[in-house]
Amino acid sequence: MFILKKTILLILLSTFSLYAQSNYSQAIKEKKIYPMGKKIYKHKCQDIDVGKYKTMQEMQEKIKSKNLCKVVNKRYFEALSLYLWEIKNSNVNEEEKIIVKKDEKCPVCGMFVYKYPRWATQIFYSDKHYSFDGMKDLFKYYFEHNNGIKKILVLDYYSQKAIDARKAFYVIGSDIYGPMGNELIAFKNKSEAKVFYMDHRGTKVLGFDEITEKLVYQLNE
């Protein structure tokens, strides 16, 4: 009975998390949700090391089971979760972050990349760099401009730390969508990519050199 109840709780948390992440525009999050979550965390919670959790669902379960926050209202807990996972979790060391200026636009789709910090990627040349709002657009650019590249950075989905794109592993066909829809989800470790693949109905786990131009454009279909 205990195992059944725990399974039901995990399913509910998973559904709730996906709903919470997709139901608000970035503007609403920045103006209302994040400030509310920050205030709740400051006044109602114990110190929470967000970085040790692999998923938002795991973090939410621990907050509830360990009674780390005195929050009962569902709306407040939603705001708290989004603040912790999308803002506090991104405050890693500068050398582990992808820094995007507000005037940088994705050269493929034209979107302002700073609006989507969890999906930002970058290609560096000796004298310039380009920022993208996801792996899909980065690869589209890469296939046509891959001469002279010095470095390619992507974000590990779980830790949100910048990693070498050429050494990363990618899940395609999952139920997690980026700003441009279907995306390649990057991971530093193949083991974590496989866990995500199983949890989010992925179709493949591939290394950088296994990703083809045809495969990338199929993600638009």
Protein backbone atom coordinates (compact mmCIF):
# COMPACT_ATOMS: atom_id res chain seq x y z
CA MET A 1 0.00 0.00 0.00
CA PHE A 2 2.84 2.39 0.86
CA ILE A 3 4.57 1.72 -2.47
CA LEU A 4 1.31 2.30 -4.34
CA LYS A 5 0.72 5.62 -2.58
CA LYS A 6 4.29 6.73 -3.31
CA THR A 7 3.90 5.82 -6.99
CA ILE A 8 0.67 7.82 -7.22
CA LEU A 9 2.39 10.79 -5.55
CA LEU A 10 5.28 10.68 -8.06
CA ILE A 11 2.84 10.57 -10.99
CA LEU A 12 0.92 13.55 -9.63
CA LEU A 13 4.13 15.52 -9.03
CA SER A 14 5.38 14.73 -12.53
CA THR A 15 2.11 15.87 -14.12
CA PHE A 16 2.04 18.98 -11.96
CA SER A 17 5.64 19.89 -12.81
CA LEU A 18 5.14 19.63 -16.56
CA TYR A 19 1.96 21.71 -16.24
CA ALA A 20 3.72 24.35 -14.15
CA GLN A 21 6.66 24.69 -16.52
CA SER A 22 4.52 25.05 -19.63
CA ASN A 23 1.47 26.98 -18.39
CA TYR A 24 3.14 30.39 -17.90
CA SER A 25 4.81 32.70 -20.36
CA GLN A 26 8.35 33.81 -19.52
CA ALA A 27 7.12 37.38 -18.96
CA ILE A 28 4.61 36.27 -16.33
CA LYS A 29 7.23 34.13 -14.64
CA GLU A 30 9.69 37.03 -14.42
CA LYS A 31 7.14 39.60 -13.25
CA LYS A 32 5.03 37.53 -10.86
CA ILE A 33 5.94 33.88 -10.36
CA TYR A 34 9.68 34.12 -9.63
CA PRO A 35 9.35 37.10 -7.20
CA MET A 36 6.56 35.29 -5.35
CA GLY A 37 8.61 32.11 -5.16
CA LYS A 38 11.67 33.99 -3.93
CA LYS A 39 9.67 35.67 -1.16
CA ILE A 40 8.17 32.36 -0.07
CA TYR A 41 11.60 30.70 -0.03
CA LYS A 42 13.08 33.52 2.05
CA HIS A 43 10.36 33.56 4.69
CA LYS A 44 8.90 30.05 4.72
CA CYS A 45 11.70 27.60 3.92
CA GLN A 46 14.84 26.06 5.30
CA ASP A 47 17.97 26.24 3.16
CA ILE A 48 17.52 23.99 0.11
CA ASP A 49 20.44 22.73 -2.00
CA VAL A 50 18.62 22.57 -5.34
CA GLY A 51 21.72 21.42 -7.21
CA LYS A 52 21.66 17.94 -5.67
CA TYR A 53 18.33 17.04 -7.24
CA LYS A 54 18.19 15.62 -10.77
CA THR A 55 14.59 16.60 -11.48
CA MET A 56 12.04 19.11 -10.26
CA GLN A 57 9.80 16.21 -9.24
CA GLU A 58 12.49 14.81 -6.95
CA MET A 59 13.01 18.25 -5.39
CA GLN A 60 9.28 18.72 -4.79
CA GLU A 61 8.95 15.30 -3.18
CA LYS A 62 11.83 16.04 -0.78
CA ILE A 63 10.44 19.46 0.14
CA LYS A 64 7.15 17.83 1.09
CA SER A 65 8.46 14.67 2.74
CA LYS A 66 11.12 16.55 4.76
CA ASN A 67 8.79 19.49 5.50
CA LEU A 68 11.45 21.93 4.26
CA CYS A 69 8.91 24.69 3.58
CA LYS A 70 5.81 25.79 5.45
CA VAL A 71 3.69 26.11 2.30
CA VAL A 72 0.23 24.57 2.04
CA ASN A 73 -1.36 26.63 -0.74
CA LYS A 74 -0.95 24.84 -4.10
CA ARG A 75 -0.42 28.11 -6.00
CA TYR A 76 2.34 29.21 -3.63
CA PHE A 77 4.05 25.81 -3.85
CA GLU A 78 3.96 26.07 -7.64
CA ALA A 79 5.62 29.50 -7.55
CA LEU A 80 8.21 28.25 -5.05
CA SER A 81 9.05 25.22 -7.20
CA LEU A 82 9.50 27.27 -10.37
CA TYR A 83 11.70 29.82 -8.58
CA LEU A 84 13.91 27.14 -7.03
CA TRP A 85 14.27 25.04 -10.18
CA GLU A 86 14.52 27.72 -12.86
CA ILE A 87 16.27 30.56 -10.99
CA LYS A 88 18.10 29.35 -7.89
CA ASN A 89 19.21 26.19 -9.68
CA SER A 90 20.80 28.32 -12.43
CA ASN A 91 23.03 30.28 -10.05
CA VAL A 92 26.13 28.18 -10.68
CA ASN A 93 29.69 29.45 -11.06
CA GLU A 94 30.22 31.86 -13.95
CA GLU A 95 32.64 29.51 -15.70
CA GLU A 96 29.87 26.89 -15.74
CA LYS A 97 27.24 29.18 -17.20
CA ILE A 98 26.32 30.27 -20.69
CA ILE A 99 26.29 34.06 -20.68
CA VAL A 100 23.90 35.66 -23.15
CA LYS A 101 23.44 39.41 -23.61
CA LYS A 102 19.96 40.86 -24.06
CA ASP A 103 20.63 41.98 -27.63
CA GLU A 104 21.74 38.52 -28.86
CA LYS A 105 19.37 36.91 -31.33
CA CYS A 106 19.46 33.35 -32.60
CA PRO A 107 20.90 33.58 -36.14
CA VAL A 108 18.54 30.80 -37.29
CA CYS A 109 15.11 31.83 -35.97
CA GLY A 110 15.72 35.44 -34.83
CA MET A 111 14.44 34.97 -31.27
CA PHE A 112 16.09 36.76 -28.33
CA VAL A 113 18.08 34.01 -26.65
CA TYR A 114 18.23 35.59 -23.15
CA LYS A 115 14.51 34.90 -22.73
CA TYR A 116 15.21 31.17 -22.67
CA PRO A 117 18.20 30.68 -20.31
CA ARG A 118 17.53 26.97 -19.74
CA TRP A 119 17.85 26.28 -23.48
CA ALA A 120 20.72 28.58 -24.48
CA THR A 121 23.62 27.17 -26.52
CA GLN A 122 26.67 28.83 -28.11
CA ILE A 123 29.19 28.37 -30.90
CA PHE A 124 32.56 30.15 -30.54
CA TYR A 125 34.99 31.15 -33.28
CA SER A 126 38.35 32.84 -32.70
CA ASP A 127 36.89 36.35 -33.05
CA LYS A 128 33.15 35.99 -32.39
CA HIS A 129 30.39 33.78 -31.07
CA TYR A 130 26.72 33.06 -31.76
CA SER A 131 23.98 32.17 -29.30
CA PHE A 132 20.99 29.92 -29.99
CA ASP A 133 17.70 29.23 -28.23
CA GLY A 134 18.17 25.46 -28.38
CA MET A 135 20.22 22.58 -29.74
CA LYS A 136 18.04 22.20 -32.84
CA ASP A 137 18.87 25.67 -34.16
CA LEU A 138 22.51 25.31 -33.13
CA PHE A 139 22.84 22.17 -35.25
CA LYS A 140 21.11 23.79 -38.22
CA TYR A 141 23.73 26.54 -38.09
CA TYR A 142 26.57 24.10 -37.39
CA PHE A 143 25.93 21.98 -40.48
CA GLU A 144 26.44 25.03 -42.72
CA HIS A 145 29.14 26.92 -40.77
CA ASN A 146 31.35 24.32 -39.09
CA ASN A 147 34.74 25.60 -40.26
CA GLY A 148 36.95 27.33 -37.72
CA ILE A 149 34.82 26.53 -34.65
CA LYS A 150 36.82 26.73 -31.41
CA LYS A 151 34.20 25.70 -28.88
CA ILE A 152 30.53 24.65 -28.66
CA LEU A 153 28.69 24.96 -25.35
CA VAL A 154 25.35 23.44 -24.36
CA LEU A 155 23.57 23.12 -21.02
CA ASP A 156 23.31 19.83 -19.20
CA TYR A 157 19.55 19.44 -18.69
CA TYR A 158 19.75 18.35 -15.05
CA SER A 159 22.55 20.51 -13.64
CA GLN A 160 22.12 23.47 -16.03
CA LYS A 161 25.91 23.73 -16.23
CA ALA A 162 27.71 24.53 -19.48
CA ILE A 163 29.31 21.46 -21.04
CA ASP A 164 31.30 20.65 -24.19
CA ALA A 165 28.71 19.88 -26.88
CA ARG A 166 31.02 17.45 -28.66
CA LYS A 167 31.34 15.29 -25.55
CA ALA A 168 27.66 15.42 -24.58
CA PHE A 169 24.88 12.89 -25.14
CA TYR A 170 21.51 13.84 -26.60
CA VAL A 171 17.99 12.49 -26.21
CA ILE A 172 15.61 13.05 -29.10
CA GLY A 173 11.87 12.44 -29.37
CA SER A 174 11.10 13.11 -25.70
CA ASP A 175 7.96 14.73 -24.28
CA ILE A 176 9.92 17.80 -23.13
CA TYR A 177 9.72 20.74 -25.53
CA GLY A 178 11.94 23.79 -25.97
CA PRO A 179 11.09 27.29 -27.23
CA MET A 180 10.99 25.94 -30.82
CA GLY A 181 9.09 22.73 -30.06
CA ASN A 182 10.76 19.30 -30.35
CA GLU A 183 14.34 19.49 -29.10
CA LEU A 184 17.54 17.58 -28.54
CA ILE A 185 18.08 17.38 -24.78
CA ALA A 186 21.75 17.44 -23.72
CA PHE A 187 23.46 15.56 -20.89
CA LYS A 188 27.05 15.34 -19.71
CA ASN A 189 26.71 11.67 -18.76
CA LYS A 190 25.25 8.91 -20.91
CA SER A 191 23.74 7.24 -17.84
CA GLU A 192 21.66 10.33 -17.06
CA ALA A 193 20.65 10.62 -20.71
CA LYS A 194 19.35 7.04 -20.56
CA VAL A 195 17.36 7.76 -17.39
CA PHE A 196 15.78 10.80 -19.05
CA TYR A 197 15.16 8.73 -22.18
CA MET A 198 13.17 6.21 -20.14
CA ASP A 199 11.32 8.77 -18.04
CA HIS A 200 10.31 11.05 -20.92
CA ARG A 201 9.55 8.65 -23.75
CA GLY A 202 12.63 9.43 -25.81
CA THR A 203 13.30 7.60 -29.05
CA LYS A 204 17.12 7.72 -29.21
CA VAL A 205 20.25 8.58 -27.22
CA LEU A 206 23.00 9.84 -29.52
CA GLY A 207 26.50 11.29 -29.34
CA PHE A 208 27.34 14.57 -31.08
CA ASP A 209 28.82 12.95 -34.19
CA GLU A 210 25.81 10.66 -34.60
CA ILE A 211 23.41 13.56 -35.12
CA THR A 212 22.69 14.18 -38.80
CA GLU A 213 21.21 17.13 -40.64
CA LYS A 214 18.27 15.00 -41.74
CA LEU A 215 17.51 13.97 -38.18
CA VAL A 216 17.56 17.58 -36.96
CA TYR A 217 15.16 18.80 -39.63
CA GLN A 218 12.85 15.88 -38.92
CA LEU A 219 12.28 17.39 -35.48
CA ASN A 220 10.32 20.18 -37.18
CA GLU A 221 7.78 17.72 -38.55
